[in-house]
N, C-alpha and C. Protein backbone atom coordinates (compact mmCIF):
# COMPACT_ATOMS: atom_id res chain seq x y z
N MET A 1 3.92 7.59 15.66
CA MET A 1 5.08 6.25 14.91
C MET A 1 4.53 5.14 14.52
N LEU A 2 5.48 5.36 13.57
CA LEU A 2 5.36 3.57 12.39
C LEU A 2 5.65 3.22 13.07
N ASP A 3 5.70 1.07 13.15
CA ASP A 3 5.42 -0.13 13.87
C ASP A 3 6.67 -0.17 12.50
N PHE A 4 7.29 -0.97 11.82
CA PHE A 4 8.53 -1.54 10.44
C PHE A 4 7.51 -2.71 11.05
N SER A 5 8.12 -3.04 11.37
CA SER A 5 7.74 -4.34 12.28
C SER A 5 6.01 -5.24 11.77
N ASP A 6 5.28 -3.88 11.49
CA ASP A 6 3.84 -4.57 11.55
C ASP A 6 3.22 -3.76 10.21
N ASN A 7 3.02 -4.98 9.44
CA ASN A 7 2.35 -4.68 8.32
C ASN A 7 1.69 -4.54 8.43
N ASN A 8 0.45 -4.00 8.98
CA ASN A 8 -0.73 -2.74 8.88
C ASN A 8 0.07 -1.37 8.65
N ASP A 9 1.32 -1.06 9.51
CA ASP A 9 2.09 0.27 10.30
C ASP A 9 2.50 0.20 7.97
N VAL A 10 3.21 -0.66 7.42
CA VAL A 10 3.64 -0.13 6.42
C VAL A 10 3.02 -0.35 5.29
N VAL A 11 2.28 -1.30 4.77
CA VAL A 11 0.64 -0.68 4.44
C VAL A 11 0.43 0.39 4.57
N MET A 12 -0.44 1.43 4.98
CA MET A 12 -0.69 2.70 5.80
C MET A 12 0.76 3.70 4.75
N LEU A 13 1.86 3.41 5.11
CA LEU A 13 3.13 4.21 5.05
C LEU A 13 2.22 4.07 3.55
N ALA A 14 2.94 2.93 2.87
CA ALA A 14 2.83 2.68 1.78
C ALA A 14 1.63 3.64 0.94
N GLU A 15 -0.35 3.64 1.91
CA GLU A 15 -0.78 4.56 1.06
C GLU A 15 -0.67 6.33 0.74
N ILE A 16 -0.06 5.90 1.71
CA ILE A 16 0.68 7.60 2.22
C ILE A 16 1.55 7.82 0.70
N LYS A 17 2.39 7.54 0.17
CA LYS A 17 3.19 7.76 0.04
C LYS A 17 2.46 8.21 -1.28
N ARG A 18 2.38 6.92 -2.05
CA ARG A 18 0.74 6.95 -3.26
C ARG A 18 0.29 7.77 -3.33
N GLU A 19 -0.86 8.93 -2.48
CA GLU A 19 -1.30 9.39 -2.34
C GLU A 19 -0.11 10.86 -2.27
N LEU A 20 0.51 10.85 -2.16
CA LEU A 20 1.03 11.89 -1.91
C LEU A 20 1.94 11.98 -2.89
N GLY A 21 2.15 11.23 -4.06
CA GLY A 21 2.70 10.89 -4.66
C GLY A 21 4.49 10.60 -4.65
N ASP A 22 4.32 9.64 -3.85
CA ASP A 22 5.81 9.47 -4.06
C ASP A 22 5.73 8.07 -4.20
N PHE A 23 5.19 7.99 -5.95
CA PHE A 23 4.90 6.97 -6.51
C PHE A 23 5.91 5.97 -6.63
N GLU A 24 7.34 5.83 -6.12
CA GLU A 24 8.34 5.03 -6.31
C GLU A 24 8.97 4.18 -4.62
N GLY A 25 8.77 5.30 -3.55
CA GLY A 25 8.88 4.96 -1.90
C GLY A 25 7.43 4.22 -2.19
N SER A 26 6.76 4.40 -2.68
CA SER A 26 5.17 2.74 -1.81
C SER A 26 5.05 1.52 -2.54
N ILE A 27 5.91 2.29 -3.66
CA ILE A 27 6.38 0.49 -4.71
C ILE A 27 7.68 -0.27 -3.89
N ARG A 28 8.81 0.55 -3.54
CA ARG A 28 9.24 -0.01 -2.91
C ARG A 28 9.23 -0.61 -1.08
N LEU A 29 8.14 -0.33 -0.73
CA LEU A 29 7.35 -0.97 0.93
C LEU A 29 7.02 -2.47 0.30
N LEU A 30 6.27 -1.85 -0.95
CA LEU A 30 5.73 -3.23 -1.24
C LEU A 30 5.42 -4.43 -1.41
N LYS A 31 7.45 -4.01 -1.69
CA LYS A 31 7.96 -4.86 -2.64
C LYS A 31 8.68 -6.63 -1.86
N LYS A 32 7.88 -6.38 0.07
CA LYS A 32 7.86 -7.88 0.29
C LYS A 32 6.77 -8.99 0.19
N THR A 33 7.08 -9.95 0.97
CA THR A 33 5.64 -10.41 1.11
C THR A 33 5.07 -10.82 2.26
N PHE A 34 3.55 -10.03 2.66
CA PHE A 34 2.90 -9.42 3.09
C PHE A 34 2.11 -10.70 3.56
N PRO A 35 1.62 -10.61 4.36
CA PRO A 35 0.63 -12.11 5.00
C PRO A 35 -0.81 -12.06 4.49
N GLU A 36 -1.32 -13.03 4.02
CA GLU A 36 -3.73 -13.35 3.43
C GLU A 36 -4.02 -12.08 4.10
N GLU A 37 -4.20 -11.89 4.86
CA GLU A 37 -5.20 -10.06 5.25
C GLU A 37 -4.49 -9.17 5.04
N VAL A 38 -3.38 -8.92 4.54
CA VAL A 38 -2.96 -7.69 3.76
C VAL A 38 -3.29 -7.84 2.33
N SER A 39 -2.63 -8.62 1.94
CA SER A 39 -2.59 -9.37 0.27
C SER A 39 -3.42 -7.95 -1.02
N LYS A 40 -4.93 -8.41 -0.90
CA LYS A 40 -5.31 -7.33 -1.13
C LYS A 40 -4.56 -6.10 -1.21
N ALA A 41 -5.14 -4.95 -0.11
CA ALA A 41 -4.87 -3.84 -0.33
C ALA A 41 -3.46 -4.21 -0.87
N VAL A 42 -2.60 -4.52 -0.81
CA VAL A 42 -1.72 -5.18 -1.07
C VAL A 42 -1.68 -4.78 -2.31
N SER A 43 -1.64 -5.45 -3.23
CA SER A 43 -2.07 -5.35 -4.19
C SER A 43 -2.35 -3.95 -5.33
N ILE A 44 -3.65 -3.62 -4.60
CA ILE A 44 -4.48 -2.68 -4.95
C ILE A 44 -3.65 -0.97 -5.52
N ILE A 45 -3.13 -1.23 -3.59
CA ILE A 45 -1.93 -0.07 -3.70
C ILE A 45 -0.73 -0.09 -4.69
N TYR A 46 -0.62 -1.49 -4.65
CA TYR A 46 0.98 -1.74 -5.84
C TYR A 46 0.87 -1.01 -6.96
N GLU A 47 -0.85 -1.67 -7.88
CA GLU A 47 -1.08 -1.28 -8.70
C GLU A 47 -1.30 -0.22 -9.67
N LEU A 48 -1.63 0.15 -8.17
CA LEU A 48 -2.13 1.77 -7.79
C LEU A 48 -1.10 3.14 -8.04
N ALA A 49 0.17 2.86 -7.20
CA ALA A 49 1.27 3.34 -7.48
C ALA A 49 2.00 3.07 -9.44
N LYS A 50 1.78 1.85 -9.47
CA LYS A 50 2.87 1.73 -10.68
C LYS A 50 2.46 2.07 -12.04
N LYS A 51 0.59 2.84 -11.86
CA LYS A 51 0.10 3.28 -12.48
C LYS A 51 0.19 5.53 -12.76
N ARG A 52 0.69 5.48 -11.48
CA ARG A 52 1.63 6.90 -11.38
C ARG A 52 -0.44 7.56 -10.54
N ASN A 53 -1.31 6.36 -9.73
CA ASN A 53 -2.52 7.60 -9.08
C ASN A 53 -2.71 7.47 -8.29
N PRO A 54 -2.33 9.09 -7.97
CA PRO A 54 -2.68 9.86 -6.13
C PRO A 54 -3.92 9.22 -5.40
N PHE A 55 -5.01 8.83 -6.51
CA PHE A 55 -6.31 9.26 -6.31
C PHE A 55 -5.78 8.30 -4.68
N VAL A 56 -7.67 8.91 -3.98
CA VAL A 56 -8.57 8.33 -3.01
C VAL A 56 -9.11 6.90 -4.08
N THR A 57 -8.33 5.18 -3.11
CA THR A 57 -9.38 4.35 -3.96
C THR A 57 -9.98 3.60 -2.97
N GLU A 58 -10.77 2.81 -3.31
CA GLU A 58 -12.12 2.72 -1.90
C GLU A 58 -11.97 0.97 -2.58
N ILE A 59 -11.01 0.39 -0.81
CA ILE A 59 -10.40 -0.73 -1.18
C ILE A 59 -11.81 -1.76 -0.21
N LYS A 60 -12.40 -2.70 -1.31
CA LYS A 60 -13.87 -3.08 -1.41
C LYS A 60 -13.43 -5.22 0.04
N TYR A 61 -13.29 -5.17 0.16
CA TYR A 61 -13.25 -6.64 0.86
C TYR A 61 -15.00 -7.09 0.82
N GLU A 62 -14.86 -8.85 0.19
CA GLU A 62 -15.91 -9.52 0.00
C GLU A 62 -15.98 -10.14 1.29
N ASN A 63 -16.44 -10.87 1.68
CA ASN A 63 -16.06 -11.91 3.20
C ASN A 63 -17.22 -13.66 2.36
């Protein structure tokens, strides 16, 4: 079961919704403030959902 108090679970659900074509649902989940550690993933998923892109996309992190 997903824990909506866990930011990683919320981001994962938003990505699942986006990939299933529920772009509005994905965007709705990403409208809150997220901590720095997930902010890059949130912004990428948000932009893909706005573009109505349901395709899997690799998110690369640079150290």
